[in-house]
Amino acid sequence: MTIEAAQSAVDTWIKTIGVKYFGELTNLGILMEEVGELSRLMVRTYGEQSFKESDKGAELADEMADVLWVLLCLANQTGVDLTKAFEKNMEKKTLRDKGRHFS
């Protein structure tokens, strides 16, 4: 699935099953919550923290997908074409960092 198709799929889901988008600031808060859940799992999986009973069943891929979902919602709400934005960002990083990490 392309980024464009993912944005479209989320938009269709929101408008047919989810009924409506939450407000942009609400979705920003939800994004922070989802990033926190991803962080918690990463720290327990790759860091020094121990798992808690409440962490059982959490999957890294699912937490990443939750972050992506809300990011796609925010892009749709604010008129951002994430494909174009990502392509532009890759170009910026390539020009800026092409010799940076070799020393």
C-alpha atoms as a PDB file:
ATOM      1  CA  MET A   1       0.000   0.000   0.000  1.00  0.00           C
ATOM      2  CA  THR A   2       1.334   3.424  -0.879  1.00  0.00           C
ATOM      3  CA  ILE A   3       1.252   6.357   1.518  1.00  0.00           C
ATOM      4  CA  GLU A   4      -1.375   7.977  -0.710  1.00  0.00           C
ATOM      5  CA  ALA A   5      -3.522   4.846  -0.574  1.00  0.00           C
ATOM      6  CA  ALA A   6      -3.098   4.678   3.205  1.00  0.00           C
ATOM      7  CA  GLN A   7      -4.252   8.286   3.578  1.00  0.00           C
ATOM      8  CA  SER A   8      -7.258   7.521   1.386  1.00  0.00           C
ATOM      9  CA  ALA A   9      -8.093   4.307   3.280  1.00  0.00           C
ATOM     10  CA  VAL A  10      -8.000   6.116   6.623  1.00  0.00           C
ATOM     11  CA  ASP A  11     -10.192   8.903   5.250  1.00  0.00           C
ATOM     12  CA  THR A  12     -12.743   6.408   3.944  1.00  0.00           C
ATOM     13  CA  TRP A  13     -12.736   4.493   7.229  1.00  0.00           C
ATOM     14  CA  ILE A  14     -13.193   7.650   9.277  1.00  0.00           C
ATOM     15  CA  LYS A  15     -16.083   8.849   7.096  1.00  0.00           C
ATOM     16  CA  THR A  16     -17.894   5.492   6.989  1.00  0.00           C
ATOM     17  CA  ILE A  17     -17.081   3.638  10.208  1.00  0.00           C
ATOM     18  CA  GLY A  18     -15.538   6.225  12.510  1.00  0.00           C
ATOM     19  CA  VAL A  19     -18.252   8.763  11.619  1.00  0.00           C
ATOM     20  CA  LYS A  20     -15.978  11.829  11.869  1.00  0.00           C
ATOM     21  CA  TYR A  21     -12.461  12.952  12.619  1.00  0.00           C
ATOM     22  CA  PHE A  22     -11.605  14.044  16.134  1.00  0.00           C
ATOM     23  CA  GLY A  23     -10.350  17.629  16.234  1.00  0.00           C
ATOM     24  CA  GLU A  24      -6.751  18.245  15.226  1.00  0.00           C
ATOM     25  CA  LEU A  25      -5.609  19.002  18.782  1.00  0.00           C
ATOM     26  CA  THR A  26      -7.387  15.914  20.098  1.00  0.00           C
ATOM     27  CA  ASN A  27      -5.633  13.831  17.447  1.00  0.00           C
ATOM     28  CA  LEU A  28      -2.319  15.434  18.375  1.00  0.00           C
ATOM     29  CA  GLY A  29      -2.904  14.301  21.960  1.00  0.00           C
ATOM     30  CA  ILE A  30      -3.834  10.824  20.756  1.00  0.00           C
ATOM     31  CA  LEU A  31      -0.649  10.735  18.663  1.00  0.00           C
ATOM     32  CA  MET A  32       1.404  11.538  21.761  1.00  0.00           C
ATOM     33  CA  GLU A  33      -0.374   8.749  23.657  1.00  0.00           C
ATOM     34  CA  GLU A  34       0.360   6.273  20.871  1.00  0.00           C
ATOM     35  CA  VAL A  35       4.014   7.334  20.702  1.00  0.00           C
ATOM     36  CA  GLY A  36       4.165   6.820  24.473  1.00  0.00           C
ATOM     37  CA  GLU A  37       2.808   3.288  24.109  1.00  0.00           C
ATOM     38  CA  LEU A  38       5.395   2.572  21.409  1.00  0.00           C
ATOM     39  CA  SER A  39       8.118   4.018  23.610  1.00  0.00           C
ATOM     40  CA  ARG A  40       7.045   1.902  26.577  1.00  0.00           C
ATOM     41  CA  LEU A  41       7.246  -1.278  24.522  1.00  0.00           C
ATOM     42  CA  MET A  42      10.599  -0.336  22.956  1.00  0.00           C
ATOM     43  CA  VAL A  43      12.095   0.434  26.373  1.00  0.00           C
ATOM     44  CA  ARG A  44      10.926  -2.913  27.709  1.00  0.00           C
ATOM     45  CA  THR A  45      11.968  -4.873  24.623  1.00  0.00           C
ATOM     46  CA  TYR A  46      15.325  -3.236  23.862  1.00  0.00           C
ATOM     47  CA  GLY A  47      16.103  -1.260  27.016  1.00  0.00           C
ATOM     48  CA  GLU A  48      16.607  -2.119  30.635  1.00  0.00           C
ATOM     49  CA  GLN A  49      13.039  -1.914  31.937  1.00  0.00           C
ATOM     50  CA  SER A  50      11.214  -5.095  32.838  1.00  0.00           C
ATOM     51  CA  PHE A  51       7.859  -6.023  31.386  1.00  0.00           C
ATOM     52  CA  LYS A  52       4.759  -5.564  33.533  1.00  0.00           C
ATOM     53  CA  GLU A  53       1.675  -7.747  33.451  1.00  0.00           C
ATOM     54  CA  SER A  54      -0.158  -4.986  31.561  1.00  0.00           C
ATOM     55  CA  ASP A  55       2.471  -5.121  28.775  1.00  0.00           C
ATOM     56  CA  LYS A  56       1.634  -8.702  27.830  1.00  0.00           C
ATOM     57  CA  GLY A  57       0.221  -9.057  24.354  1.00  0.00           C
ATOM     58  CA  ALA A  58       1.583  -5.722  23.124  1.00  0.00           C
ATOM     59  CA  GLU A  59       3.208  -5.990  19.708  1.00  0.00           C
ATOM     60  CA  LEU A  60       5.739  -3.568  18.280  1.00  0.00           C
ATOM     61  CA  ALA A  61       4.199  -3.637  14.790  1.00  0.00           C
ATOM     62  CA  ASP A  62       0.742  -2.867  16.177  1.00  0.00           C
ATOM     63  CA  GLU A  63       2.038   0.071  18.224  1.00  0.00           C
ATOM     64  CA  MET A  64       3.862   1.472  15.180  1.00  0.00           C
ATOM     65  CA  ALA A  65       0.708   1.072  13.097  1.00  0.00           C
ATOM     66  CA  ASP A  66      -1.275   2.990  15.739  1.00  0.00           C
ATOM     67  CA  VAL A  67       1.198   5.887  15.459  1.00  0.00           C
ATOM     68  CA  LEU A  68       0.957   5.793  11.670  1.00  0.00           C
ATOM     69  CA  TRP A  69      -2.859   5.739  11.772  1.00  0.00           C
ATOM     70  CA  VAL A  70      -3.112   8.927  13.809  1.00  0.00           C
ATOM     71  CA  LEU A  71      -0.381  10.619  11.749  1.00  0.00           C
ATOM     72  CA  LEU A  72      -2.382   9.797   8.611  1.00  0.00           C
ATOM     73  CA  CYS A  73      -5.483  11.287  10.244  1.00  0.00           C
ATOM     74  CA  LEU A  74      -3.616  14.494  11.037  1.00  0.00           C
ATOM     75  CA  ALA A  75      -2.246  14.699   7.497  1.00  0.00           C
ATOM     76  CA  ASN A  76      -5.739  14.307   6.068  1.00  0.00           C
ATOM     77  CA  GLN A  77      -7.159  16.928   8.410  1.00  0.00           C
ATOM     78  CA  THR A  78      -4.479  19.497   7.652  1.00  0.00           C
ATOM     79  CA  GLY A  79      -4.253  18.930   3.905  1.00  0.00           C
ATOM     80  CA  VAL A  80      -0.764  17.436   3.944  1.00  0.00           C
ATOM     81  CA  ASP A  81       0.132  15.072   1.113  1.00  0.00           C
ATOM     82  CA  LEU A  82       2.467  12.765   3.030  1.00  0.00           C
ATOM     83  CA  THR A  83       3.898  11.254  -0.148  1.00  0.00           C
ATOM     84  CA  LYS A  84       5.114  14.649  -1.358  1.00  0.00           C
ATOM     85  CA  ALA A  85       6.180  15.665   2.130  1.00  0.00           C
ATOM     86  CA  PHE A  86       8.191  12.466   2.587  1.00  0.00           C
ATOM     87  CA  GLU A  87       9.842  12.781  -0.820  1.00  0.00           C
ATOM     88  CA  LYS A  88      10.827  16.381  -0.048  1.00  0.00           C
ATOM     89  CA  ASN A  89      12.120  15.331   3.379  1.00  0.00           C
ATOM     90  CA  MET A  90      14.248  12.542   1.875  1.00  0.00           C
ATOM     91  CA  GLU A  91      15.746  15.018  -0.590  1.00  0.00           C
ATOM     92  CA  LYS A  92      16.507  17.482   2.221  1.00  0.00           C
ATOM     93  CA  LYS A  93      18.161  14.810   4.351  1.00  0.00           C
ATOM     94  CA  THR A  94      20.161  13.459   1.416  1.00  0.00           C
ATOM     95  CA  LEU A  95      21.545  16.877   0.511  1.00  0.00           C
ATOM     96  CA  ARG A  96      22.255  17.778   4.124  1.00  0.00           C
ATOM     97  CA  ASP A  97      23.737  14.469   5.266  1.00  0.00           C
ATOM     98  CA  LYS A  98      25.371  12.917   2.176  1.00  0.00           C
ATOM     99  CA  GLY A  99      28.862  13.052   3.728  1.00  0.00           C
ATOM    100  CA  ARG A 100      27.979  13.619   7.356  1.00  0.00           C
ATOM    101  CA  HIS A 101      28.047  10.083   8.777  1.00  0.00           C
ATOM    102  CA  PHE A 102      31.281   8.798   7.238  1.00  0.00           C
ATOM    103  CA  SER A 103      33.703  10.368   9.717  1.00  0.00           C
END
